[in-house]
Protein backbone atom coordinates (compact mmCIF):
# COMPACT_ATOMS: atom_id res chain seq x y z
CA MET A 1 4.06 48.34 -8.86
CA LYS A 2 3.11 44.87 -7.77
CA HIS A 3 1.34 44.65 -4.57
CA GLY A 4 3.80 44.22 -1.55
CA LYS A 5 7.08 45.15 -3.33
CA LEU A 6 9.25 48.20 -2.95
CA SER A 7 8.86 50.73 -5.76
CA TYR A 8 11.62 50.97 -8.35
CA LYS A 9 12.74 54.29 -7.00
CA GLN A 10 12.91 52.79 -3.44
CA LYS A 11 15.00 50.05 -4.76
CA LEU A 12 17.30 52.20 -6.80
CA ALA A 13 17.88 54.53 -3.78
CA PHE A 14 18.71 51.52 -1.56
CA ALA A 15 21.08 50.13 -3.82
CA LEU A 16 22.72 53.40 -4.82
CA SER A 17 23.33 54.03 -1.20
CA ALA A 18 25.04 50.65 -0.70
CA ALA A 19 27.11 51.21 -3.62
CA LEU A 20 28.22 54.52 -2.43
CA CYS A 21 29.53 53.18 0.84
CA SER A 22 32.61 51.90 -1.15
CA GLN A 23 34.64 53.48 -3.94
CA TYR A 24 35.51 49.95 -4.89
CA ALA A 25 32.01 48.74 -5.58
CA ALA A 26 31.67 46.22 -8.27
CA ALA A 27 28.74 44.38 -9.77
CA GLN A 28 27.89 41.27 -7.74
CA VAL A 29 24.95 39.09 -7.83
CA SER A 30 24.14 38.28 -4.23
CA ASN A 31 23.76 34.73 -3.41
CA GLY A 32 24.04 33.73 -7.00
CA ASP A 33 24.97 30.20 -6.23
CA PHE A 34 21.69 29.63 -4.28
CA GLU A 35 23.52 28.32 -1.19
CA ASN A 36 21.46 30.25 1.33
CA TRP A 37 17.71 30.21 1.95
CA GLN A 38 15.26 31.38 4.58
CA GLN A 39 11.81 30.12 4.76
CA ASN A 40 12.27 28.34 1.47
CA GLN A 41 13.40 31.52 -0.39
CA PRO A 42 16.85 32.36 -1.56
CA THR A 43 18.15 35.22 0.23
CA SER A 44 19.16 38.41 -1.35
CA TRP A 45 16.57 37.76 -4.34
CA THR A 46 14.07 40.55 -3.97
CA THR A 47 11.69 40.20 -6.90
CA ILE A 48 9.99 36.52 -6.63
CA ASP A 49 6.72 36.87 -8.58
CA SER A 50 3.64 34.79 -7.74
CA GLY A 51 3.69 32.60 -10.98
CA ILE A 52 6.81 30.68 -9.78
CA ALA A 53 7.60 28.69 -6.66
CA LEU A 54 11.08 28.30 -5.52
CA SER A 55 12.77 25.60 -3.17
CA ALA A 56 16.24 24.53 -2.53
CA THR A 57 17.62 21.38 -4.11
CA SER A 58 20.69 19.26 -3.84
CA ASN A 59 19.61 16.67 -6.24
CA ILE A 60 20.42 18.56 -9.48
CA VAL A 61 23.29 21.05 -8.79
CA LYS A 62 25.88 22.85 -11.05
CA THR A 63 28.23 24.09 -8.46
CA GLY A 64 28.38 24.07 -4.64
CA GLN A 65 25.83 22.20 -2.48
CA ALA A 66 22.67 23.72 -3.72
CA ALA A 67 20.51 25.03 -6.60
CA ALA A 68 17.02 26.65 -7.02
CA GLN A 69 14.28 24.56 -8.24
CA VAL A 70 12.00 26.70 -9.93
CA THR A 71 8.37 25.50 -10.64
CA VAL A 72 6.57 27.72 -13.27
CA LYS A 73 2.89 27.68 -12.67
CA THR A 74 1.66 30.12 -15.18
CA GLY A 75 1.73 31.29 -18.85
CA THR A 76 1.49 34.88 -17.87
CA GLN A 77 5.18 35.84 -18.26
CA SER A 78 4.92 39.20 -16.20
CA ASN A 79 4.11 36.97 -13.25
CA THR A 80 7.50 34.85 -13.64
CA ASP A 81 10.24 37.07 -12.62
CA LEU A 82 13.20 36.19 -10.25
CA GLN A 83 15.43 39.42 -9.89
CA GLN A 84 17.40 41.38 -7.58
CA LEU A 85 19.09 44.84 -7.86
CA VAL A 86 22.88 44.82 -8.64
CA ALA A 87 25.02 47.97 -8.33
CA VAL A 88 27.24 48.81 -11.34
CA GLN A 89 29.93 51.68 -12.12
CA ALA A 90 29.79 53.96 -15.10
CA GLY A 91 32.05 52.89 -18.03
CA LYS A 92 32.69 49.17 -16.78
CA THR A 93 31.65 46.16 -18.74
CA TYR A 94 30.18 43.12 -16.88
CA THR A 95 29.49 39.60 -18.11
CA PHE A 96 26.25 38.35 -16.30
CA SER A 97 25.52 34.61 -16.86
CA THR A 98 23.60 31.64 -15.26
CA TRP A 99 23.18 28.01 -15.76
CA VAL A 100 19.65 26.53 -16.58
CA TYR A 101 18.40 22.98 -16.56
CA HIS A 102 15.24 22.25 -18.30
CA THR A 103 13.17 18.95 -17.60
CA GLU A 104 10.30 19.07 -19.99
CA GLY A 105 10.79 21.70 -22.75
CA GLY A 106 7.61 23.58 -22.37
CA VAL A 107 9.23 26.44 -20.65
CA LYS A 108 12.23 28.80 -21.60
CA ALA A 109 14.33 31.19 -19.53
CA ARG A 110 15.27 34.62 -20.57
CA LEU A 111 18.11 36.46 -19.15
CA VAL A 112 17.35 39.93 -17.40
CA VAL A 113 20.20 42.50 -17.36
CA ASP A 114 18.68 45.89 -17.15
CA GLY A 115 16.26 44.68 -19.97
CA TYR A 116 15.56 41.43 -21.68
CA HIS A 117 18.10 39.36 -23.52
CA GLY A 118 18.97 35.97 -24.67
CA TYR A 119 16.79 32.88 -24.18
CA SER A 120 17.68 29.26 -22.90
CA ASP A 121 16.94 26.43 -25.50
CA PRO A 122 13.91 24.65 -24.01
CA PHE A 123 14.66 21.61 -25.97
CA THR A 124 18.07 20.93 -24.37
CA LEU A 125 16.75 18.62 -21.69
CA ASN A 126 18.21 17.14 -18.58
CA GLN A 127 21.66 18.89 -18.72
CA TRP A 128 22.90 22.24 -17.87
CA GLN A 129 23.21 25.17 -20.42
CA GLN A 130 24.55 28.58 -19.96
CA ILE A 131 23.03 31.87 -20.89
CA SER A 132 24.97 35.13 -20.84
CA HIS A 133 24.98 38.71 -21.68
CA SER A 134 27.79 41.50 -21.85
CA TYR A 135 26.75 44.85 -20.34
CA THR A 136 28.44 48.04 -20.13
CA ALA A 137 27.24 50.65 -17.56
CA THR A 138 26.66 54.11 -18.71
CA ALA A 139 26.26 55.40 -15.00
CA ASP A 140 26.75 54.74 -11.36
CA THR A 141 23.47 52.92 -10.76
CA SER A 142 21.62 49.80 -9.80
CA ILE A 143 20.14 47.46 -12.44
CA SER A 144 17.92 44.50 -12.39
CA VAL A 145 19.32 41.27 -12.96
CA GLY A 146 17.79 37.88 -12.99
CA LEU A 147 15.41 35.69 -15.10
CA ARG A 148 11.82 35.75 -16.47
CA PHE A 149 10.31 32.44 -17.61
CA TYR A 150 8.08 32.25 -20.88
CA ASP A 151 5.69 29.21 -21.73
CA ASP A 152 6.59 27.64 -25.00
CA THR A 153 4.88 24.79 -26.99
CA GLY A 154 3.81 22.00 -24.87
CA PHE A 155 3.57 23.97 -21.55
CA ASP A 156 1.12 22.20 -19.42
CA GLY A 157 0.66 24.78 -16.73
CA ASN A 158 3.36 23.35 -14.36
CA GLU A 159 7.08 22.66 -15.05
CA VAL A 160 10.19 22.47 -13.11
CA VAL A 161 13.37 24.37 -14.17
CA TYR A 162 16.59 24.45 -12.26
CA ILE A 163 18.99 27.37 -11.92
CA ASP A 164 22.57 27.70 -10.43
CA ASP A 165 25.77 29.75 -10.42
CA PHE A 166 24.46 33.18 -11.32
CA GLN A 167 27.69 35.12 -12.06
CA PRO A 168 29.41 37.34 -11.00
CA THR A 169 28.30 36.25 -7.67
CA THR A 170 28.97 36.92 -4.01
CA THR A 171 27.89 34.66 -1.34
CA THR A 172 26.15 35.69 1.97
CA THR A 173 27.43 32.76 3.79
CA PRO A 174 28.33 33.80 7.51
CA PRO A 175 31.75 32.90 8.82
CA PRO A 176 32.13 29.49 10.16
CA PRO A 177 31.44 29.37 13.86
CA THR A 178 34.28 28.41 16.33
CA GLY A 179 32.86 25.25 17.34
CA CYS A 180 29.63 23.28 16.93
CA GLN A 181 27.02 24.68 19.44
CA ASN A 182 24.63 21.73 18.90
CA THR A 183 25.28 18.23 18.05
CA GLU A 184 28.38 17.15 15.84
CA LEU A 185 28.17 14.34 13.58
CA ASN A 186 31.30 12.85 11.79
CA LEU A 187 31.03 11.39 8.28
CA SER A 188 33.67 9.11 6.76
CA ILE A 189 33.28 8.00 3.13
CA THR A 190 35.83 5.62 1.54
CA THR A 191 35.13 5.38 -2.35
CA ASP A 192 35.68 2.61 -4.53
CA ASN A 193 37.22 2.39 -8.11
CA TYR A 194 34.45 4.82 -9.20
CA GLY A 195 34.26 7.52 -6.64
CA SER A 196 32.36 10.11 -8.96
CA GLU A 197 29.26 7.67 -8.69
CA THR A 198 28.83 8.17 -4.92
CA SER A 199 26.93 10.99 -3.35
CA TRP A 200 24.92 11.49 -0.23
CA THR A 201 22.38 13.89 1.35
CA LEU A 202 21.30 14.61 4.87
CA SER A 203 17.72 15.76 5.21
CA ASN A 204 15.61 17.06 8.11
CA SER A 205 12.17 15.90 9.32
CA SER A 206 10.80 18.47 6.74
CA ASN A 207 12.54 16.47 4.09
CA THR A 208 14.94 19.47 3.41
CA PRO A 209 18.45 18.75 2.45
CA ILE A 210 20.85 20.46 5.09
CA ALA A 211 24.10 18.75 3.80
CA SER A 212 25.17 16.84 0.95
CA GLY A 213 28.45 15.70 -1.00
CA SER A 214 29.50 14.45 -4.39
CA GLY A 215 32.39 14.51 -6.81
CA TYR A 216 34.52 12.21 -4.95
CA ALA A 217 37.98 10.91 -6.29
CA ASN A 218 38.67 7.10 -6.66
CA ASN A 219 39.74 5.07 -3.82
CA THR A 220 40.19 7.81 -1.22
CA THR A 221 38.81 8.54 2.11
CA HIS A 222 36.88 11.60 2.88
CA SER A 223 35.94 12.96 6.38
CA GLU A 224 33.74 15.89 7.43
CA SER A 225 31.95 17.07 10.40
CA LEU A 226 28.30 18.07 10.32
CA CYS A 227 26.63 20.41 13.06
CA VAL A 228 23.01 19.53 13.49
CA VAL A 229 20.04 20.88 15.85
CA ASP A 230 17.63 18.35 17.47
CA ASP A 231 15.39 16.89 14.91
CA SER A 232 14.84 13.57 12.94
CA TYR A 233 17.03 13.05 10.00
CA THR A 234 17.37 10.79 6.79
CA PHE A 235 20.88 9.94 5.65
CA THR A 236 20.70 8.79 1.90
CA VAL A 237 23.85 7.43 0.15
CA LEU A 238 23.49 7.02 -3.57
CA ASP A 239 25.48 5.20 -6.31
CA SER A 240 24.55 6.43 -9.89
CA TYR A 241 25.67 3.30 -11.69
CA GLY A 242 23.42 1.18 -9.33
CA ASP A 243 26.21 -1.20 -7.89
CA GLY A 244 26.98 0.30 -4.59
CA MET A 245 30.36 0.91 -3.01
CA CYS A 246 31.53 -2.58 -2.57
CA CYS A 247 32.81 -5.02 -3.71
CA SER A 248 32.97 -5.68 -7.36
CA TYR A 249 34.95 -2.53 -8.12
CA GLY A 250 36.89 -1.74 -5.04
CA ASN A 251 36.10 -1.76 -1.34
CA GLY A 252 34.19 1.46 -0.43
CA SER A 253 32.22 2.16 2.57
CA TYR A 254 30.55 4.95 4.60
CA SER A 255 29.97 5.63 8.27
CA LEU A 256 28.07 8.47 10.23
CA THR A 257 28.59 8.58 13.76
CA GLY A 258 27.35 10.93 16.56
CA PRO A 259 28.18 11.13 20.40
CA GLU A 260 25.72 8.02 20.92
CA GLY A 261 27.53 5.80 18.34
CA THR A 262 27.09 4.80 14.79
CA LEU A 263 23.92 6.35 13.16
CA ALA A 264 24.41 4.93 9.63
CA SER A 265 27.05 2.71 7.87
CA GLY A 266 27.16 0.37 5.05
CA SER A 267 28.84 -0.52 1.70
CA THR A 268 26.69 -3.01 -0.25
CA PHE A 269 23.68 -1.78 -1.81
CA THR A 270 22.29 -0.99 -5.36
CA SER A 271 21.39 2.51 -6.14
CA GLU A 272 20.34 4.07 -2.95
CA GLN A 273 20.47 3.29 0.83
CA GLN A 274 18.78 5.28 3.50
CA HIS A 275 19.09 5.62 7.21
CA THR A 276 16.69 7.35 9.50
CA PHE A 277 17.63 8.53 13.16
CA THR A 278 16.79 11.14 15.65
CA ILE A 279 18.97 13.78 17.51
CA GLY A 280 17.78 14.86 20.91
CA ASN A 281 14.40 14.47 22.10
CA ASP A 282 12.45 11.72 20.11
CA ASN A 283 9.39 11.50 22.37
CA GLY A 284 10.55 8.32 24.10
CA GLY A 285 12.06 6.82 21.16
CA GLY A 286 15.49 6.42 22.91
CA THR A 287 18.82 6.85 21.37
CA PRO A 288 20.76 4.16 19.32
CA THR A 289 22.85 3.02 22.41
CA ASP A 290 20.43 3.86 25.22
CA PRO A 291 17.26 2.06 25.22
CA SER A 292 16.19 2.97 28.61
CA GLN A 293 13.44 5.43 27.66
CA TYR A 294 12.49 3.34 24.53
CA TYR A 295 9.80 1.49 26.46
CA ALA A 296 8.75 4.07 29.03
CA SER A 297 5.07 4.15 27.82
CA ALA A 298 4.88 0.44 28.57
CA ALA A 299 5.77 0.82 32.25
CA GLY A 300 3.39 -0.98 34.59
CA LEU A 301 1.42 -2.81 31.98
CA THR A 302 1.35 -6.77 31.55
CA GLY A 303 -0.55 -9.36 29.64
CA TYR A 304 -1.76 -8.42 26.21
CA ALA A 305 -1.97 -4.88 27.14
CA LEU A 306 1.73 -4.71 27.43
CA LYS A 307 2.05 -6.52 24.01
CA SER A 308 -0.21 -4.15 22.28
CA GLN A 309 1.87 -1.10 23.80
CA LEU A 310 4.93 -2.78 22.65
CA HIS A 311 3.41 -3.14 19.25
CA ASN A 312 2.74 0.87 19.25
CA ILE A 313 6.45 1.40 20.21
CA ILE A 314 8.00 -0.86 17.34
CA ASN A 315 5.40 -0.68 14.56
CA ASN A 316 6.93 1.97 12.54
CA HIS A 317 10.11 0.79 11.64
CA GLN A 318 11.97 2.09 8.27
CA SER A 319 11.84 -0.99 5.79
CA GLN A 320 15.29 -0.90 3.89
CA GLY A 321 14.36 -3.21 1.38
CA TYR A 322 15.33 -7.13 0.82
CA THR A 323 18.61 -6.14 -0.99
CA ALA A 324 20.00 -4.12 1.96
CA ILE A 325 20.12 -7.28 3.97
CA TRP A 326 23.17 -8.27 2.42
CA GLN A 327 24.68 -5.16 3.77
CA PHE A 328 23.32 -5.92 7.20
CA ILE A 329 25.10 -9.23 7.12
CA ASP A 330 28.32 -7.71 5.97
CA GLN A 331 28.35 -5.28 8.61
CA SER A 332 26.55 -6.99 11.59
CA GLU A 333 26.33 -10.93 11.13
CA ARG A 334 30.05 -11.98 11.82
CA ASP A 335 31.61 -14.48 14.06
CA ASN A 336 33.28 -12.14 16.65
CA TYR A 337 32.33 -14.62 19.45
CA PHE A 338 33.23 -18.22 18.86
CA GLU A 339 36.32 -18.51 16.54
CA ASN A 340 36.32 -14.95 16.19
CA ASP A 341 37.58 -14.97 12.54
CA ASN A 342 35.16 -12.44 11.21
CA SER A 343 33.32 -15.02 9.01
CA VAL A 344 29.59 -15.03 8.45
CA LEU A 345 27.84 -15.99 11.65
CA ASP A 346 25.72 -18.79 10.17
CA ARG A 347 23.28 -20.20 12.67
CA TYR A 348 22.67 -23.34 10.58
CA SER A 349 26.38 -24.33 10.52
CA GLU A 350 28.17 -22.56 13.31
CA ARG A 351 29.61 -24.82 15.77
CA PRO A 352 29.95 -23.02 19.20
CA SER A 353 32.60 -25.63 20.44
CA GLY A 354 35.25 -26.63 18.01
CA ASN A 355 36.08 -25.53 14.45
CA ASP A 356 33.43 -24.89 11.84
CA ALA A 357 33.36 -27.28 9.05
CA ILE A 358 32.21 -24.45 6.85
CA ASN A 359 33.33 -20.77 6.67
CA TYR A 360 31.94 -18.29 4.77
CA VAL A 361 33.44 -14.90 3.57
CA ALA A 362 31.13 -11.77 3.66
CA VAL A 363 29.92 -10.78 0.22
CA THR A 364 32.06 -13.18 -1.57
CA ASN A 365 30.12 -16.33 -0.68
CA GLN A 366 26.66 -15.11 -1.17
CA CYS A 367 24.06 -17.25 -2.82
CA GLY A 368 24.10 -17.96 -5.76
CA THR A 369 23.06 -21.53 -6.37
CA TYR A 370 23.74 -24.41 -3.94
CA SER A 371 23.60 -28.25 -4.19
CA VAL A 372 25.25 -29.00 -1.02
CA GLU A 373 26.03 -27.52 2.40
CA GLY A 374 28.75 -25.14 2.10
CA ASP A 375 28.23 -23.86 -1.29
CA CYS A 376 26.90 -20.29 -0.15
CA TYR A 377 25.01 -18.43 2.63
CA ASN A 378 21.62 -16.72 1.98
CA ARG A 379 18.98 -14.57 3.76
CA GLU A 380 16.78 -16.98 5.93
CA HIS A 381 13.33 -15.91 6.96
CA SER A 382 13.27 -17.74 10.35
CA PHE A 383 9.49 -16.91 10.16
CA PRO A 384 8.79 -18.24 6.61
CA LYS A 385 7.55 -15.57 4.09
CA SER A 386 5.09 -18.08 2.72
CA TRP A 387 3.32 -17.76 5.96
CA PHE A 388 2.65 -14.06 5.63
CA GLY A 389 1.87 -14.30 2.02
CA GLY A 390 5.25 -14.03 0.06
CA LYS A 391 7.41 -11.04 -0.84
CA ILE A 392 5.42 -8.54 1.09
CA GLU A 393 6.91 -5.56 3.12
CA PRO A 394 7.81 -4.65 5.66
CA MET A 395 7.77 -8.39 6.77
CA ASN A 396 9.76 -9.51 3.79
CA SER A 397 12.90 -7.36 4.78
CA ASP A 398 12.40 -7.11 8.51
CA ILE A 399 15.83 -7.82 9.94
CA HIS A 400 14.60 -9.01 13.31
CA HIS A 401 13.60 -12.30 11.85
CA ILE A 402 16.14 -12.68 9.16
CA PHE A 403 19.53 -14.44 9.69
CA ALA A 404 22.41 -15.42 7.53
CA THR A 405 22.33 -19.18 6.87
CA ASP A 406 23.77 -21.95 4.79
CA GLY A 407 21.77 -21.96 1.56
CA TYR A 408 21.50 -25.68 1.27
CA VAL A 409 20.34 -26.13 4.95
CA ASN A 410 17.98 -23.28 4.54
CA SER A 411 16.37 -25.07 1.66
CA LYS A 412 16.09 -28.29 3.72
CA ARG A 413 14.38 -26.23 6.38
CA SER A 414 11.93 -24.95 3.72
CA ASN A 415 8.74 -23.53 5.64
CA TYR A 416 8.52 -26.32 8.11
CA PRO A 417 7.85 -25.14 11.56
CA PHE A 418 10.58 -25.04 14.30
CA GLY A 419 10.21 -28.00 16.68
CA GLU A 420 12.17 -30.71 18.23
CA VAL A 421 12.99 -33.60 16.29
CA ALA A 422 12.57 -37.32 17.37
CA THR A 423 14.03 -39.10 14.34
CA ALA A 424 16.03 -36.94 11.89
CA SER A 425 15.90 -37.22 8.07
CA TYR A 426 18.73 -34.69 7.76
CA THR A 427 21.52 -33.08 10.01
CA SER A 428 23.60 -30.27 9.11
CA SER A 429 27.35 -29.90 10.09
CA ASN A 430 26.57 -28.21 13.21
CA GLY A 431 23.84 -30.49 14.35
CA SER A 432 20.60 -28.61 13.11
CA LYS A 433 18.07 -31.19 12.30
CA LEU A 434 15.02 -31.84 10.10
CA GLY A 435 12.70 -34.69 11.06
CA SER A 436 9.63 -36.02 12.61
CA ALA A 437 8.41 -33.96 15.68
CA ALA A 438 9.20 -35.17 19.15
CA THR A 439 5.93 -36.62 20.95
CA ASN A 440 6.21 -34.03 23.80
CA LEU A 441 5.43 -31.25 21.40
CA ASN A 442 1.80 -32.34 21.03
CA TYR A 443 2.31 -31.74 17.14
CA SER A 444 2.79 -34.51 14.64
CA GLY A 445 4.58 -33.69 11.45
CA THR A 446 7.88 -32.52 10.03
CA VAL A 447 9.83 -29.93 12.02
CA PHE A 448 13.17 -28.21 11.70
CA GLU A 449 15.28 -27.94 15.05
CA PRO A 450 18.35 -25.66 15.29
CA ILE A 451 21.07 -26.22 17.83
CA ASP A 452 20.52 -25.18 21.44
CA GLN A 453 23.02 -22.24 21.17
CA PHE A 454 20.47 -20.36 18.82
CA LYS A 455 17.11 -21.51 20.11
CA GLY A 456 16.66 -18.59 22.31
CA ASP A 457 17.41 -16.42 19.42
CA PHE A 458 14.70 -17.77 17.00
CA ALA A 459 12.12 -17.86 19.90
CA ARG A 460 12.62 -14.10 20.56
CA ALA A 461 12.34 -13.46 16.76
CA TYR A 462 8.95 -15.07 16.90
CA PHE A 463 7.70 -13.39 19.99
CA TYR A 464 8.83 -10.21 18.12
CA MET A 465 6.90 -11.10 14.92
CA ALA A 466 3.81 -11.78 17.14
CA THR A 467 3.95 -8.23 18.73
CA ARG A 468 5.42 -6.17 15.60
CA TYR A 469 2.64 -7.61 13.43
CA GLU A 470 -0.24 -7.78 15.99
CA ASP A 471 -2.50 -5.85 13.69
CA VAL A 472 -2.24 -8.30 10.83
CA ILE A 473 -0.95 -11.54 12.04
CA SER A 474 -4.28 -13.03 12.74
CA THR A 475 -5.03 -13.22 8.86
CA TRP A 476 -1.92 -15.36 8.28
CA GLN A 477 -3.15 -18.70 9.74
CA ASN A 478 -4.53 -20.12 6.51
CA ASN A 479 -1.79 -19.09 4.12
CA THR A 480 -0.12 -22.52 4.42
CA GLN A 481 -0.54 -25.82 6.12
CA TYR A 482 2.43 -25.09 8.28
CA SER A 483 1.28 -21.51 9.24
CA ASP A 484 -2.04 -23.06 10.38
CA ALA A 485 -0.08 -25.58 12.44
CA VAL A 486 1.75 -22.71 14.25
CA LEU A 487 -0.70 -19.85 14.23
CA ASN A 488 -3.94 -19.75 16.27
CA GLY A 489 -5.68 -16.90 14.13
CA SER A 490 -5.77 -14.50 17.01
CA ALA A 491 -3.93 -11.13 17.47
CA ASN A 492 -3.31 -11.50 21.10
CA GLN A 493 -1.86 -15.08 21.94
CA VAL A 494 -0.97 -15.49 18.23
CA PHE A 495 0.67 -19.14 18.49
CA GLU A 496 -0.84 -22.42 19.11
CA PRO A 497 -0.41 -23.63 22.79
CA TRP A 498 2.31 -26.19 21.68
CA VAL A 499 4.37 -23.35 20.05
CA ILE A 500 4.02 -21.03 23.01
CA ALA A 501 5.15 -23.83 25.34
CA MET A 502 8.31 -24.57 23.09
CA LEU A 503 9.10 -21.08 22.46
CA LYS A 504 9.01 -20.13 26.17
CA ARG A 505 11.23 -23.25 26.83
CA TRP A 506 13.71 -22.20 24.28
CA HIS A 507 13.67 -18.68 25.58
CA GLU A 508 14.31 -19.65 29.04
CA THR A 509 17.13 -22.48 28.30
CA ASP A 510 19.02 -20.30 25.85
CA PRO A 511 19.02 -16.56 27.45
CA VAL A 512 19.93 -13.53 25.89
CA ASP A 513 23.73 -13.26 25.10
CA ALA A 514 26.01 -10.69 23.81
CA ILE A 515 25.47 -11.81 20.21
CA GLU A 516 22.01 -10.93 20.52
CA ARG A 517 22.28 -7.62 22.34
CA ALA A 518 24.83 -6.56 19.45
CA ARG A 519 22.60 -7.64 16.84
CA ASN A 520 19.42 -5.88 18.20
CA GLN A 521 21.42 -2.72 18.50
CA ALA A 522 22.68 -3.13 14.85
CA ALA A 523 19.00 -3.73 13.67
CA TYR A 524 17.81 -0.63 15.67
CA GLU A 525 20.46 1.44 13.66
CA PHE A 526 19.55 -0.34 10.36
CA GLN A 527 15.76 0.01 10.37
CA GLY A 528 14.81 2.11 13.49
CA ASN A 529 13.17 -0.40 15.85
CA ARG A 530 14.21 -2.83 18.54
CA ASN A 531 13.30 -6.47 19.70
CA PRO A 532 11.49 -5.95 23.06
CA PHE A 533 12.33 -9.32 24.10
CA VAL A 534 16.07 -8.96 23.77
CA ASP A 535 15.98 -5.86 25.82
CA HIS A 536 13.45 -7.07 28.30
CA PRO A 537 13.41 -11.07 28.40
CA GLU A 538 10.78 -10.68 31.37
CA PHE A 539 8.23 -9.49 28.89
CA VAL A 540 7.86 -12.96 27.54
CA GLN A 541 6.47 -14.14 30.97
CA GLN A 542 4.53 -10.92 31.53
CA ILE A 543 2.76 -11.49 28.21
CA TRP A 544 2.38 -15.19 27.76
C-alpha cells in the first residue's frame, strides 16, 4: 500500500456499502467527463500517483467544457496510476472506454478495468483516439477502473497527455442554484458564416478557466449567463482560422456585459482577442463606468509627485496589439456626434459644422493604399512611433494616442510635430494644415495643425504619453530630429517649453467633451487604463 492511501480492503468495503444502498446499482465512472475539480484535482478519482500531475483544461476537450491534462513525469509505471473504484453487479457486462490525446508520442496510456488491458497508440498525435474494454462481472463487488501511463521510445521525462469522456459515467455536478448569488455576467455571441471556428474562455486570476464555449452553428446568436465571484478575469475569444468574426465572411460579434456595463466586445481580430477586467474590489482600480476611486491614491498630490503617482496608476495596461486597433475603431470611433451617421470619426477630415466631404465605412474603407485624400482611413499615432523607436510595445498599440485618420492626410503629417501653422503648404478637406510654424511658437520648422475642434484631444493624448511612459520617455529625445524638437530629455517636464505652452493652450480652449469621455471609457474597457487628463482636466495645471 502506498503512503497516504486507503487499503484495497478499505476501498472495497466503502464501495460495496455504497453499492448495496440500491438494488439498482450499476457501473458508473464518477466524474468521467472531468468537469468537476477541487484544488486542481478531479473529484471522485481516488488514486492519483505521484508520477503524474493533473490539471483542468478547456483548450483540448472531447466533450463538455473541460478535460484532464495529465503530465507524466516519470518512467516508473507503478507511479503513474489514475484510478477509482466502481461498483459492478454479478453477471452483467460493461463496456468501459475513454478518449486519449497524445502530444509527443513518448508515452502510451493503458486501460485499467480490474486489471490491465489495451494500450493507446502513442504515435497518433494531436487527435483524439478511443480505447475500450468489455468486462463481465463475476460477483457483486467494486473494481479498479482508470489508466496507467507507460514510457515509450522518445520519452524525455515530461510529457502531456489529455483524457476525457470516461464511460460509462455519471457527473457529480450539483443542481443549478435558483439564482446567481454573486455577480451575473451576460454573454452574447453572434457567429459569422463559420461558427465552428469561434470559441471562448473566461479565466480567473489564477489563469484557471471557469467557463468556455465552442461548437457554434453558423450565423446564429447565442446568449448565456455566467455567475462569477469577485476576482480579476481574462475573457479570450478565439478564431481557429485566424480571420476573426467580421467582416469577410459574415458579420459576427461578441459582447460580455455586467452590472457596470460592457466588459468586453468586438468582432474584428485575427486568431485571438483578450479582454481583462475586475469584478468587485480591485484595490482602487475602479469599475468600468465609475472612475471615482481610480485616482484615490493620488489625492492631495500636486506637481511632478502627482504625475508620478498617476503613472503608477495607469502604467500596467494590457496591450491588445496593433491589429486589434481596427476593432477599437469599428466599435468606438464612430460619428455619433456631428452628422450622427455612424461613419468613422476621422479627426483629419471631419467637419464639425456642415457636411463632410469624405465619409468612411468602418472596416470596408480600411487602408490599403492611398494616393489622394478620401482613399481610406488608417491608424494614426498622434505621438509618432518613430519618436519612441518604432513598432515597440506597448507604445505602438496604446489606444490613448492612436486615432482613426485619413491615410493620405496622415502621410502628409508624417512625424512632424503638432503646432500652429503660419503659411500652409497643404490643407485637408476639414482645414487641418501642414506648413511653417507660426512665430509665436518659439519654434522654427514644419508643423502639423489639426482643427480647433480636436486640438484639446491631441493635447491630452500628449499629457497622457508624458505620464504613462514617465519611466522611459526621457530616452526618446534623440531618436529623430522632431522628437528632439518636442522632448526635453527629462522624465518630469518631458516637453520643451514651447510645446508645454501650446498644449496647455489647446487643452484650455478645447475642453473635454462627450466624444473624449466616451472614448476614454472605451479605451479603459479595451486595454484597462484611463487617460487621467480626460477624467480630471485640472491635473494639467496642477502638474505643469
